[in-house]
Amino acid sequence: MQPFDHHSNKKRDIIKRYNSTSVHYNNRYAKIQNQKYDYFIKYIPIGSKIILDAGSGTGLLMPYLLKMINPSRLKPFFYVGIDISLNMLKIAKKKSFEIEENEKFALILADLENMPIRNESFNSIFSITSLQNLHDMEKGIKEIIRTSKIDSVLLISVLKKTVNQEKIISILHPYCNELKVMDNRDIEDYLISGKIVKKLSNHYL
């Protein structure tokens, strides 16, 4: 894995923007993000043990999972949130302290294009409204695939106004099947679900 690219202007801008807006993020976007979670929740498989939230922001997905998923259907599970914004993660950390099961959560400050995670670590992967911010979206998607187990469920959303959905599908297609795209006019993102069925080639790993 490559180190964080400190020379990327786009990454610096993203970090600055999300650090500065973190305090207002939940009030502005919680309802919108929950609409996306509502669509994806039905795809989480029984027995999913380790869940990645790639681009976790303030950790809105954490309480959602605990509230919406019947514990008898999905337990135990461990949530790993990764984000490039320290201020966003600080808010997520406070949120985790408010949840009794906070030992089930880990938060990591990292670049999605270079995640400090072992190969084949996760059973289910969320990446909600994050991939369009990356300097190299294909690299970020392949990092998600690298860290996912075979048969993992992949749940991605990207802003329609910034990303070509055909490009994302073409990147995912060699590694995933059961790919579905929902384009709901009331939601600002394309919502993409699939199942990982093939590993990356050795030269990437």
N, C-alpha and C. Protein backbone atom coordinates (compact mmCIF):
# COMPACT_ATOMS: atom_id res chain seq x y z
N MET A 1 0.83 -1.19 0.00
CA MET A 1 0.00 0.00 0.00
C MET A 1 0.87 1.25 0.00
N GLN A 2 0.43 2.28 -0.72
CA GLN A 2 1.19 3.50 -0.83
C GLN A 2 0.84 4.44 0.33
N PRO A 3 1.77 5.29 0.74
CA PRO A 3 1.48 6.26 1.80
C PRO A 3 0.51 7.32 1.31
N PHE A 4 -0.01 8.08 2.26
CA PHE A 4 -0.92 9.18 1.92
C PHE A 4 -0.21 10.18 1.02
N ASP A 5 -0.88 10.59 -0.02
CA ASP A 5 -0.31 11.54 -0.97
C ASP A 5 -0.57 12.97 -0.50
N HIS A 6 0.39 13.54 0.21
CA HIS A 6 0.22 14.88 0.75
C HIS A 6 0.28 15.95 -0.33
N HIS A 7 0.70 15.59 -1.54
CA HIS A 7 0.88 16.58 -2.59
C HIS A 7 -0.35 16.76 -3.47
N SER A 8 -1.39 16.01 -3.18
CA SER A 8 -2.60 16.13 -3.98
C SER A 8 -3.41 17.33 -3.53
N ASN A 9 -3.54 18.32 -4.41
CA ASN A 9 -4.32 19.51 -4.07
C ASN A 9 -5.77 19.17 -3.78
N LYS A 10 -6.31 18.21 -4.55
CA LYS A 10 -7.70 17.84 -4.35
C LYS A 10 -7.91 17.26 -2.95
N LYS A 11 -6.98 16.42 -2.50
CA LYS A 11 -7.12 15.84 -1.17
C LYS A 11 -7.01 16.90 -0.09
N ARG A 12 -6.09 17.82 -0.26
CA ARG A 12 -5.97 18.89 0.73
C ARG A 12 -7.25 19.72 0.79
N ASP A 13 -7.83 19.99 -0.37
CA ASP A 13 -9.07 20.77 -0.41
C ASP A 13 -10.22 20.02 0.26
N ILE A 14 -10.30 18.72 0.01
CA ILE A 14 -11.36 17.91 0.62
C ILE A 14 -11.21 17.89 2.13
N ILE A 15 -9.99 17.68 2.61
CA ILE A 15 -9.75 17.66 4.06
C ILE A 15 -10.15 19.00 4.68
N LYS A 16 -9.73 20.08 4.06
CA LYS A 16 -10.04 21.42 4.58
C LYS A 16 -11.55 21.65 4.60
N ARG A 17 -12.21 21.26 3.51
CA ARG A 17 -13.66 21.51 3.43
C ARG A 17 -14.43 20.72 4.49
N TYR A 18 -14.11 19.44 4.64
CA TYR A 18 -14.85 18.62 5.59
C TYR A 18 -14.46 18.92 7.03
N ASN A 19 -13.22 19.29 7.28
CA ASN A 19 -12.86 19.71 8.63
C ASN A 19 -13.63 20.96 9.04
N SER A 20 -13.81 21.89 8.10
CA SER A 20 -14.47 23.16 8.42
C SER A 20 -15.98 23.03 8.52
N THR A 21 -16.57 22.05 7.83
CA THR A 21 -18.04 21.91 7.84
C THR A 21 -18.52 20.80 8.77
N SER A 22 -17.60 20.12 9.44
CA SER A 22 -17.96 18.95 10.25
C SER A 22 -19.00 19.25 11.32
N VAL A 23 -18.90 20.44 11.94
CA VAL A 23 -19.79 20.76 13.04
C VAL A 23 -21.25 20.90 12.58
N HIS A 24 -21.46 21.21 11.30
CA HIS A 24 -22.82 21.37 10.77
C HIS A 24 -23.31 20.14 10.00
N TYR A 25 -22.44 19.15 9.81
CA TYR A 25 -22.74 18.07 8.88
C TYR A 25 -24.00 17.28 9.28
N ASN A 26 -24.11 16.90 10.52
CA ASN A 26 -25.24 16.07 10.94
C ASN A 26 -26.57 16.76 10.71
N ASN A 27 -26.65 18.05 11.07
CA ASN A 27 -27.90 18.79 10.90
C ASN A 27 -28.28 18.93 9.43
N ARG A 28 -27.29 19.08 8.58
CA ARG A 28 -27.57 19.31 7.16
C ARG A 28 -27.86 18.03 6.39
N TYR A 29 -27.20 16.93 6.77
CA TYR A 29 -27.22 15.76 5.89
C TYR A 29 -27.76 14.47 6.51
N ALA A 30 -28.08 14.44 7.79
CA ALA A 30 -28.53 13.19 8.43
C ALA A 30 -29.76 12.61 7.73
N LYS A 31 -30.75 13.45 7.46
CA LYS A 31 -31.98 12.96 6.81
C LYS A 31 -31.69 12.42 5.42
N ILE A 32 -30.86 13.12 4.66
CA ILE A 32 -30.53 12.70 3.30
C ILE A 32 -29.78 11.37 3.33
N GLN A 33 -28.80 11.25 4.23
CA GLN A 33 -28.03 10.01 4.30
C GLN A 33 -28.90 8.84 4.75
N ASN A 34 -29.81 9.08 5.67
CA ASN A 34 -30.69 8.01 6.14
C ASN A 34 -31.57 7.47 5.02
N GLN A 35 -31.96 8.33 4.08
CA GLN A 35 -32.73 7.84 2.93
C GLN A 35 -31.94 6.81 2.14
N LYS A 36 -30.65 7.03 2.00
CA LYS A 36 -29.79 6.09 1.27
C LYS A 36 -29.61 4.81 2.07
N TYR A 37 -29.43 4.93 3.39
CA TYR A 37 -29.31 3.74 4.23
C TYR A 37 -30.58 2.90 4.15
N ASP A 38 -31.74 3.57 4.10
CA ASP A 38 -33.01 2.84 4.04
C ASP A 38 -33.07 1.93 2.82
N TYR A 39 -32.52 2.39 1.71
CA TYR A 39 -32.51 1.56 0.51
C TYR A 39 -31.55 0.39 0.66
N PHE A 40 -30.39 0.63 1.24
CA PHE A 40 -29.34 -0.38 1.28
C PHE A 40 -29.53 -1.45 2.36
N ILE A 41 -30.28 -1.13 3.40
CA ILE A 41 -30.31 -2.01 4.57
C ILE A 41 -30.80 -3.42 4.23
N LYS A 42 -31.66 -3.54 3.25
CA LYS A 42 -32.21 -4.85 2.91
C LYS A 42 -31.18 -5.78 2.29
N TYR A 43 -30.05 -5.21 1.86
CA TYR A 43 -29.02 -6.04 1.23
C TYR A 43 -27.99 -6.58 2.21
N ILE A 44 -28.02 -6.12 3.47
CA ILE A 44 -27.05 -6.62 4.45
C ILE A 44 -27.38 -8.06 4.78
N PRO A 45 -26.44 -8.98 4.59
CA PRO A 45 -26.73 -10.41 4.79
C PRO A 45 -26.77 -10.80 6.26
N ILE A 46 -27.49 -11.85 6.54
CA ILE A 46 -27.50 -12.42 7.88
C ILE A 46 -26.08 -12.89 8.22
N GLY A 47 -25.63 -12.55 9.41
CA GLY A 47 -24.31 -13.01 9.86
C GLY A 47 -23.16 -12.15 9.39
N SER A 48 -23.43 -10.97 8.83
CA SER A 48 -22.34 -10.08 8.43
C SER A 48 -21.62 -9.61 9.69
N LYS A 49 -20.32 -9.89 9.80
CA LYS A 49 -19.62 -9.67 11.06
C LYS A 49 -18.79 -8.40 11.10
N ILE A 50 -18.15 -8.03 10.00
CA ILE A 50 -17.28 -6.86 10.00
C ILE A 50 -17.72 -5.94 8.86
N ILE A 51 -18.15 -4.74 9.23
CA ILE A 51 -18.73 -3.80 8.28
C ILE A 51 -17.79 -2.61 8.11
N LEU A 52 -17.45 -2.29 6.87
CA LEU A 52 -16.64 -1.12 6.56
C LEU A 52 -17.55 0.02 6.12
N ASP A 53 -17.30 1.19 6.70
CA ASP A 53 -17.94 2.43 6.25
C ASP A 53 -16.83 3.30 5.66
N ALA A 54 -16.66 3.21 4.34
CA ALA A 54 -15.56 3.88 3.65
C ALA A 54 -15.96 5.31 3.31
N GLY A 55 -15.38 6.26 4.02
CA GLY A 55 -15.81 7.65 3.94
C GLY A 55 -16.90 7.87 4.96
N SER A 56 -16.61 7.52 6.20
CA SER A 56 -17.63 7.43 7.25
C SER A 56 -18.10 8.77 7.78
N GLY A 57 -17.32 9.83 7.53
CA GLY A 57 -17.74 11.15 8.00
C GLY A 57 -17.95 11.17 9.51
N THR A 58 -19.10 11.70 9.94
CA THR A 58 -19.40 11.82 11.36
C THR A 58 -20.01 10.55 11.96
N GLY A 59 -19.97 9.47 11.21
CA GLY A 59 -20.44 8.19 11.75
C GLY A 59 -21.94 8.03 11.82
N LEU A 60 -22.67 8.65 10.91
CA LEU A 60 -24.14 8.54 10.91
C LEU A 60 -24.61 7.10 10.76
N LEU A 61 -23.82 6.28 10.08
CA LEU A 61 -24.23 4.89 9.86
C LEU A 61 -24.21 4.06 11.14
N MET A 62 -23.37 4.43 12.10
CA MET A 62 -23.25 3.64 13.34
C MET A 62 -24.59 3.49 14.06
N PRO A 63 -25.22 4.58 14.51
CA PRO A 63 -26.49 4.42 15.22
C PRO A 63 -27.59 3.87 14.34
N TYR A 64 -27.51 4.17 13.04
CA TYR A 64 -28.53 3.63 12.12
C TYR A 64 -28.53 2.11 12.15
N LEU A 65 -27.35 1.51 12.05
CA LEU A 65 -27.25 0.05 12.04
C LEU A 65 -27.80 -0.55 13.33
N LEU A 66 -27.46 0.05 14.46
CA LEU A 66 -27.93 -0.48 15.73
C LEU A 66 -29.44 -0.34 15.88
N LYS A 67 -29.99 0.74 15.33
CA LYS A 67 -31.42 0.99 15.46
C LYS A 67 -32.25 0.14 14.51
N MET A 68 -31.76 -0.04 13.27
CA MET A 68 -32.58 -0.62 12.22
C MET A 68 -32.42 -2.12 12.03
N ILE A 69 -31.29 -2.66 12.45
CA ILE A 69 -31.06 -4.08 12.21
C ILE A 69 -31.43 -4.87 13.45
N ASN A 70 -32.30 -5.86 13.26
CA ASN A 70 -32.69 -6.75 14.35
C ASN A 70 -31.45 -7.50 14.85
N PRO A 71 -31.09 -7.37 16.14
CA PRO A 71 -29.87 -8.02 16.63
C PRO A 71 -29.84 -9.53 16.39
N SER A 72 -30.99 -10.17 16.36
CA SER A 72 -31.00 -11.62 16.14
C SER A 72 -30.65 -11.96 14.69
N ARG A 73 -30.74 -10.95 13.81
CA ARG A 73 -30.45 -11.17 12.40
C ARG A 73 -28.98 -10.88 12.09
N LEU A 74 -28.40 -9.97 12.82
CA LEU A 74 -27.04 -9.56 12.52
C LEU A 74 -26.28 -9.32 13.81
N LYS A 75 -25.74 -10.36 14.40
CA LYS A 75 -24.92 -10.18 15.59
C LYS A 75 -23.94 -11.33 15.72
N PRO A 76 -22.80 -11.09 16.31
CA PRO A 76 -22.29 -9.75 16.60
C PRO A 76 -21.74 -9.11 15.33
N PHE A 77 -21.63 -7.81 15.29
CA PHE A 77 -20.96 -7.17 14.16
C PHE A 77 -20.01 -6.11 14.68
N PHE A 78 -19.00 -5.82 13.87
CA PHE A 78 -17.98 -4.83 14.23
C PHE A 78 -17.94 -3.79 13.11
N TYR A 79 -18.07 -2.53 13.48
CA TYR A 79 -18.11 -1.43 12.53
C TYR A 79 -16.74 -0.77 12.47
N VAL A 80 -16.21 -0.59 11.23
CA VAL A 80 -14.97 0.14 11.03
C VAL A 80 -15.25 1.34 10.13
N GLY A 81 -15.07 2.53 10.66
CA GLY A 81 -15.26 3.75 9.88
C GLY A 81 -13.92 4.36 9.50
N ILE A 82 -13.75 4.65 8.21
CA ILE A 82 -12.51 5.26 7.72
C ILE A 82 -12.85 6.58 7.05
N ASP A 83 -12.11 7.63 7.42
CA ASP A 83 -12.34 8.93 6.80
C ASP A 83 -11.04 9.72 6.79
N ILE A 84 -10.94 10.66 5.87
CA ILE A 84 -9.74 11.47 5.71
C ILE A 84 -9.79 12.75 6.56
N SER A 85 -10.96 13.06 7.13
CA SER A 85 -11.15 14.27 7.92
C SER A 85 -11.08 13.96 9.41
N LEU A 86 -10.11 14.53 10.08
CA LEU A 86 -9.97 14.32 11.52
C LEU A 86 -11.14 14.89 12.30
N ASN A 87 -11.62 16.07 11.90
CA ASN A 87 -12.73 16.69 12.62
C ASN A 87 -14.01 15.87 12.50
N MET A 88 -14.24 15.28 11.32
CA MET A 88 -15.39 14.40 11.15
C MET A 88 -15.29 13.20 12.09
N LEU A 89 -14.12 12.62 12.18
CA LEU A 89 -13.93 11.44 13.03
C LEU A 89 -14.06 11.79 14.51
N LYS A 90 -13.67 13.00 14.90
CA LYS A 90 -13.84 13.41 16.29
C LYS A 90 -15.31 13.42 16.68
N ILE A 91 -16.16 13.88 15.76
CA ILE A 91 -17.61 13.87 16.03
C ILE A 91 -18.12 12.44 16.07
N ALA A 92 -17.62 11.59 15.16
CA ALA A 92 -18.03 10.18 15.16
C ALA A 92 -17.61 9.50 16.47
N LYS A 93 -16.44 9.85 16.98
CA LYS A 93 -15.97 9.26 18.23
C LYS A 93 -16.89 9.62 19.39
N LYS A 94 -17.32 10.88 19.45
CA LYS A 94 -18.26 11.29 20.48
C LYS A 94 -19.56 10.50 20.37
N LYS A 95 -20.00 10.28 19.13
CA LYS A 95 -21.23 9.52 18.90
C LYS A 95 -21.08 8.09 19.40
N SER A 96 -19.91 7.49 19.18
CA SER A 96 -19.70 6.10 19.61
C SER A 96 -19.73 5.99 21.13
N PHE A 97 -19.28 7.03 21.85
CA PHE A 97 -19.31 7.00 23.31
C PHE A 97 -20.73 7.04 23.85
N GLU A 98 -21.65 7.54 23.04
CA GLU A 98 -23.05 7.62 23.46
C GLU A 98 -23.78 6.30 23.25
N ILE A 99 -23.12 5.36 22.57
CA ILE A 99 -23.73 4.06 22.27
C ILE A 99 -23.17 3.02 23.22
N GLU A 100 -24.02 2.26 23.88
CA GLU A 100 -23.57 1.30 24.88
C GLU A 100 -22.60 0.28 24.30
N GLU A 101 -22.80 -0.10 23.06
CA GLU A 101 -21.97 -1.11 22.42
C GLU A 101 -20.76 -0.47 21.75
N ASN A 102 -20.17 0.59 22.36
CA ASN A 102 -19.11 1.31 21.66
C ASN A 102 -17.87 0.48 21.44
N GLU A 103 -17.73 -0.66 22.14
CA GLU A 103 -16.57 -1.51 21.88
C GLU A 103 -16.65 -2.20 20.53
N LYS A 104 -17.78 -2.12 19.86
CA LYS A 104 -17.97 -2.74 18.55
C LYS A 104 -17.55 -1.80 17.41
N PHE A 105 -16.98 -0.67 17.73
CA PHE A 105 -16.67 0.31 16.72
C PHE A 105 -15.19 0.68 16.71
N ALA A 106 -14.65 0.90 15.51
CA ALA A 106 -13.29 1.41 15.36
C ALA A 106 -13.32 2.51 14.32
N LEU A 107 -12.58 3.58 14.54
CA LEU A 107 -12.50 4.70 13.62
C LEU A 107 -11.05 4.92 13.22
N ILE A 108 -10.81 5.09 11.91
CA ILE A 108 -9.45 5.18 11.39
C ILE A 108 -9.32 6.42 10.51
N LEU A 109 -8.32 7.24 10.79
CA LEU A 109 -8.00 8.38 9.94
C LEU A 109 -7.12 7.88 8.80
N ALA A 110 -7.66 7.87 7.59
CA ALA A 110 -6.91 7.32 6.46
C ALA A 110 -7.51 7.78 5.15
N ASP A 111 -6.72 7.61 4.11
CA ASP A 111 -7.09 7.91 2.73
C ASP A 111 -7.71 6.66 2.11
N LEU A 112 -8.89 6.78 1.53
CA LEU A 112 -9.56 5.60 0.94
C LEU A 112 -8.78 5.00 -0.21
N GLU A 113 -7.90 5.77 -0.80
CA GLU A 113 -7.09 5.23 -1.90
C GLU A 113 -5.91 4.40 -1.39
N ASN A 114 -5.62 4.49 -0.10
CA ASN A 114 -4.49 3.78 0.51
C ASN A 114 -4.86 3.35 1.93
N MET A 115 -5.79 2.44 2.06
CA MET A 115 -6.28 2.07 3.38
C MET A 115 -5.31 1.15 4.10
N PRO A 116 -5.01 1.43 5.37
CA PRO A 116 -4.11 0.58 6.16
C PRO A 116 -4.84 -0.65 6.71
N ILE A 117 -5.38 -1.44 5.80
CA ILE A 117 -6.22 -2.58 6.15
C ILE A 117 -5.71 -3.81 5.40
N ARG A 118 -5.75 -4.96 6.06
CA ARG A 118 -5.33 -6.21 5.42
C ARG A 118 -6.30 -6.61 4.31
N ASN A 119 -5.80 -7.39 3.37
CA ASN A 119 -6.65 -7.95 2.33
C ASN A 119 -7.77 -8.78 2.94
N GLU A 120 -8.93 -8.75 2.30
CA GLU A 120 -10.06 -9.61 2.64
C GLU A 120 -10.43 -9.54 4.12
N SER A 121 -10.74 -8.33 4.58
CA SER A 121 -11.06 -8.11 5.99
C SER A 121 -12.56 -7.97 6.26
N PHE A 122 -13.35 -7.50 5.27
CA PHE A 122 -14.72 -7.09 5.54
C PHE A 122 -15.75 -7.99 4.88
N ASN A 123 -16.92 -8.09 5.56
CA ASN A 123 -18.05 -8.87 5.03
C ASN A 123 -19.07 -8.00 4.30
N SER A 124 -19.19 -6.75 4.71
CA SER A 124 -20.11 -5.82 4.07
C SER A 124 -19.44 -4.46 4.01
N ILE A 125 -19.65 -3.75 2.90
CA ILE A 125 -18.96 -2.49 2.69
C ILE A 125 -19.96 -1.43 2.26
N PHE A 126 -19.99 -0.34 3.00
CA PHE A 126 -20.73 0.86 2.62
C PHE A 126 -19.73 1.92 2.16
N SER A 127 -20.07 2.66 1.12
CA SER A 127 -19.34 3.87 0.77
C SER A 127 -20.38 4.85 0.24
N ILE A 128 -20.83 5.73 1.11
CA ILE A 128 -21.97 6.58 0.82
C ILE A 128 -21.52 8.01 0.55
N THR A 129 -21.72 8.45 -0.71
CA THR A 129 -21.43 9.82 -1.13
C THR A 129 -19.99 10.21 -0.83
N SER A 130 -19.05 9.30 -1.13
CA SER A 130 -17.65 9.56 -0.84
C SER A 130 -16.73 9.41 -2.06
N LEU A 131 -17.00 8.43 -2.90
CA LEU A 131 -16.05 8.09 -3.96
C LEU A 131 -15.83 9.22 -4.95
N GLN A 132 -16.83 10.06 -5.16
CA GLN A 132 -16.66 11.16 -6.13
C GLN A 132 -15.65 12.20 -5.63
N ASN A 133 -15.31 12.16 -4.36
CA ASN A 133 -14.34 13.11 -3.82
C ASN A 133 -12.89 12.67 -4.01
N LEU A 134 -12.67 11.43 -4.43
CA LEU A 134 -11.32 10.91 -4.48
C LEU A 134 -10.53 11.48 -5.66
N HIS A 135 -9.23 11.58 -5.47
CA HIS A 135 -8.34 11.99 -6.55
C HIS A 135 -8.35 10.94 -7.67
N ASP A 136 -8.36 9.65 -7.28
CA ASP A 136 -8.37 8.54 -8.23
C ASP A 136 -9.47 7.57 -7.79
N MET A 137 -10.68 7.75 -8.33
CA MET A 137 -11.82 6.95 -7.91
C MET A 137 -11.61 5.46 -8.15
N GLU A 138 -11.00 5.11 -9.28
CA GLU A 138 -10.77 3.69 -9.57
C GLU A 138 -9.86 3.06 -8.52
N LYS A 139 -8.84 3.78 -8.11
CA LYS A 139 -7.95 3.25 -7.08
C LYS A 139 -8.70 3.05 -5.77
N GLY A 140 -9.57 3.99 -5.42
CA GLY A 140 -10.36 3.86 -4.20
C GLY A 140 -11.29 2.66 -4.25
N ILE A 141 -11.94 2.44 -5.40
CA ILE A 141 -12.82 1.28 -5.55
C ILE A 141 -12.02 -0.01 -5.43
N LYS A 142 -10.85 -0.06 -6.02
CA LYS A 142 -10.04 -1.27 -5.94
C LYS A 142 -9.51 -1.51 -4.54
N GLU A 143 -9.28 -0.44 -3.78
CA GLU A 143 -8.90 -0.61 -2.38
C GLU A 143 -10.05 -1.23 -1.59
N ILE A 144 -11.27 -0.80 -1.87
CA ILE A 144 -12.44 -1.38 -1.22
C ILE A 144 -12.55 -2.87 -1.56
N ILE A 145 -12.36 -3.20 -2.84
CA ILE A 145 -12.43 -4.59 -3.26
C ILE A 145 -11.31 -5.41 -2.61
N ARG A 146 -10.11 -4.84 -2.55
CA ARG A 146 -8.97 -5.55 -1.95
C ARG A 146 -9.24 -5.93 -0.50
N THR A 147 -9.88 -5.05 0.24
CA THR A 147 -10.08 -5.29 1.67
C THR A 147 -11.36 -6.07 1.97
N SER A 148 -12.07 -6.50 0.93
CA SER A 148 -13.34 -7.21 1.10
C SER A 148 -13.17 -8.71 0.86
N LYS A 149 -13.90 -9.49 1.62
CA LYS A 149 -13.90 -10.94 1.43
C LYS A 149 -14.70 -11.30 0.19
N ILE A 150 -14.41 -12.46 -0.38
CA ILE A 150 -15.26 -12.99 -1.45
C ILE A 150 -16.67 -13.18 -0.89
N ASP A 151 -17.67 -12.86 -1.69
CA ASP A 151 -19.09 -12.89 -1.32
C ASP A 151 -19.50 -11.74 -0.42
N SER A 152 -18.61 -10.77 -0.23
CA SER A 152 -19.00 -9.57 0.51
C SER A 152 -20.04 -8.78 -0.26
N VAL A 153 -20.91 -8.10 0.47
CA VAL A 153 -21.90 -7.22 -0.13
C VAL A 153 -21.31 -5.82 -0.23
N LEU A 154 -21.46 -5.22 -1.40
CA LEU A 154 -20.91 -3.90 -1.69
C LEU A 154 -22.06 -2.93 -1.91
N LEU A 155 -22.08 -1.83 -1.15
CA LEU A 155 -23.16 -0.86 -1.20
C LEU A 155 -22.56 0.53 -1.36
N ILE A 156 -22.72 1.11 -2.55
CA ILE A 156 -22.05 2.36 -2.91
C ILE A 156 -23.08 3.38 -3.37
N SER A 157 -22.87 4.65 -2.98
CA SER A 157 -23.64 5.72 -3.59
C SER A 157 -22.68 6.83 -4.00
N VAL A 158 -22.99 7.46 -5.13
CA VAL A 158 -22.16 8.56 -5.66
C VAL A 158 -23.08 9.64 -6.21
N LEU A 159 -22.64 10.89 -6.07
CA LEU A 159 -23.44 12.01 -6.55
C LEU A 159 -23.63 11.95 -8.06
N LYS A 160 -24.87 12.05 -8.49
CA LYS A 160 -25.17 11.98 -9.91
C LYS A 160 -24.51 13.10 -10.70
N LYS A 161 -24.44 14.27 -10.10
CA LYS A 161 -23.96 15.43 -10.84
C LYS A 161 -22.45 15.42 -11.05
N THR A 162 -21.74 14.50 -10.40
CA THR A 162 -20.27 14.50 -10.50
C THR A 162 -19.67 13.24 -11.09
N VAL A 163 -20.46 12.16 -11.17
CA VAL A 163 -19.88 10.86 -11.56
C VAL A 163 -20.73 10.19 -12.63
N ASN A 164 -20.06 9.58 -13.59
CA ASN A 164 -20.71 8.78 -14.62
C ASN A 164 -20.90 7.36 -14.09
N GLN A 165 -22.16 6.93 -13.95
CA GLN A 165 -22.41 5.62 -13.36
C GLN A 165 -21.84 4.49 -14.21
N GLU A 166 -21.79 4.68 -15.53
CA GLU A 166 -21.23 3.63 -16.39
C GLU A 166 -19.75 3.39 -16.08
N LYS A 167 -19.04 4.45 -15.71
CA LYS A 167 -17.63 4.31 -15.37
C LYS A 167 -17.46 3.45 -14.11
N ILE A 168 -18.28 3.71 -13.10
CA ILE A 168 -18.19 2.92 -11.87
C ILE A 168 -18.54 1.46 -12.13
N ILE A 169 -19.59 1.22 -12.89
CA ILE A 169 -20.00 -0.15 -13.20
C ILE A 169 -18.90 -0.87 -13.96
N SER A 170 -18.23 -0.18 -14.88
CA SER A 170 -17.16 -0.82 -15.66
C SER A 170 -15.98 -1.20 -14.77
N ILE A 171 -15.72 -0.42 -13.72
CA ILE A 171 -14.65 -0.76 -12.77
C ILE A 171 -15.06 -1.96 -11.92
N LEU A 172 -16.30 -1.97 -11.47
CA LEU A 172 -16.78 -3.03 -10.57
C LEU A 172 -17.02 -4.36 -11.29
N HIS A 173 -17.40 -4.30 -12.55
CA HIS A 173 -17.90 -5.48 -13.25
C HIS A 173 -16.94 -6.67 -13.23
N PRO A 174 -15.62 -6.50 -13.39
CA PRO A 174 -14.74 -7.67 -13.37
C PRO A 174 -14.69 -8.40 -12.02
N TYR A 175 -15.12 -7.73 -10.95
CA TYR A 175 -14.96 -8.29 -9.60
C TYR A 175 -16.29 -8.58 -8.90
N CYS A 176 -17.39 -8.10 -9.47
CA CYS A 176 -18.68 -8.19 -8.79
C CYS A 176 -19.75 -8.77 -9.72
N ASN A 177 -20.74 -9.39 -9.11
CA ASN A 177 -21.94 -9.73 -9.86
C ASN A 177 -23.16 -9.22 -9.09
N GLU A 178 -24.34 -9.50 -9.62
CA GLU A 178 -25.60 -9.02 -9.04
C GLU A 178 -25.61 -7.49 -8.90
N LEU A 179 -24.91 -6.81 -9.81
CA LEU A 179 -24.85 -5.36 -9.74
C LEU A 179 -26.22 -4.75 -10.09
N LYS A 180 -26.65 -3.84 -9.24
CA LYS A 180 -27.91 -3.13 -9.45
C LYS A 180 -27.69 -1.64 -9.24
N VAL A 181 -28.34 -0.84 -10.07
CA VAL A 181 -28.25 0.62 -9.94
C VAL A 181 -29.65 1.17 -9.79
N MET A 182 -29.86 1.95 -8.71
CA MET A 182 -31.14 2.63 -8.54
C MET A 182 -30.92 4.12 -8.77
N ASP A 183 -31.73 4.69 -9.66
CA ASP A 183 -31.68 6.12 -9.94
C ASP A 183 -33.03 6.71 -9.55
N ASN A 184 -33.14 7.06 -8.27
CA ASN A 184 -34.37 7.64 -7.74
C ASN A 184 -34.28 9.16 -7.85
N ARG A 185 -35.25 9.77 -8.48
CA ARG A 185 -35.17 11.22 -8.72
C ARG A 185 -35.21 12.02 -7.43
N ASP A 186 -35.66 11.39 -6.33
CA ASP A 186 -35.72 12.09 -5.04
C ASP A 186 -34.42 11.97 -4.25
N ILE A 187 -33.47 11.19 -4.76
CA ILE A 187 -32.19 11.01 -4.08
C ILE A 187 -31.09 11.53 -4.98
N GLU A 188 -30.16 12.27 -4.41
CA GLU A 188 -29.12 12.95 -5.18
C GLU A 188 -28.05 12.02 -5.73
N ASP A 189 -28.03 10.77 -5.28
CA ASP A 189 -26.98 9.81 -5.65
C ASP A 189 -27.52 8.70 -6.53
N TYR A 190 -26.61 8.09 -7.32
CA TYR A 190 -26.85 6.74 -7.85
C TYR A 190 -26.57 5.78 -6.71
N LEU A 191 -27.45 4.81 -6.51
CA LEU A 191 -27.29 3.81 -5.46
C LEU A 191 -26.95 2.47 -6.12
N ILE A 192 -25.79 1.93 -5.80
CA ILE A 192 -25.27 0.74 -6.47
C ILE A 192 -25.04 -0.37 -5.46
N SER A 193 -25.56 -1.56 -5.74
CA SER A 193 -25.32 -2.71 -4.87
C SER A 193 -24.76 -3.86 -5.70
N GLY A 194 -24.03 -4.74 -5.05
CA GLY A 194 -23.46 -5.89 -5.74
C GLY A 194 -22.81 -6.84 -4.76
N LYS A 195 -22.26 -7.93 -5.30
CA LYS A 195 -21.57 -8.92 -4.48
C LYS A 195 -20.20 -9.19 -5.09
N ILE A 196 -19.17 -9.14 -4.24
CA ILE A 196 -17.80 -9.36 -4.71
C ILE A 196 -17.55 -10.85 -4.89
N VAL A 197 -17.13 -11.23 -6.09
CA VAL A 197 -16.97 -12.65 -6.40
C VAL A 197 -15.57 -13.00 -6.92
N LYS A 198 -14.73 -11.99 -7.10
CA LYS A 198 -13.41 -12.25 -7.67
C LYS A 198 -12.39 -11.33 -7.03
N LYS A 199 -11.20 -11.86 -6.75
CA LYS A 199 -10.12 -11.08 -6.17
C LYS A 199 -9.44 -10.23 -7.24
N LEU A 200 -8.76 -9.19 -6.75
CA LEU A 200 -7.91 -8.42 -7.65
C LEU A 200 -6.71 -9.25 -8.07
N SER A 201 -6.11 -8.90 -9.19
CA SER A 201 -4.91 -9.61 -9.64
C SER A 201 -3.76 -9.36 -8.67
N ASN A 202 -2.79 -10.27 -8.64
CA ASN A 202 -1.69 -10.21 -7.69
C ASN A 202 -0.85 -8.95 -7.86
N HIS A 203 -0.74 -8.41 -9.07
CA HIS A 203 0.09 -7.24 -9.26
C HIS A 203 -0.47 -6.03 -8.54
N TYR A 204 -1.82 -6.01 -8.31
CA TYR A 204 -2.39 -4.90 -7.55
C TYR A 204 -2.23 -5.13 -6.05
N LEU A 205 -2.46 -6.38 -5.62
CA LEU A 205 -2.34 -6.68 -4.19
C LEU A 205 -0.93 -6.53 -3.71
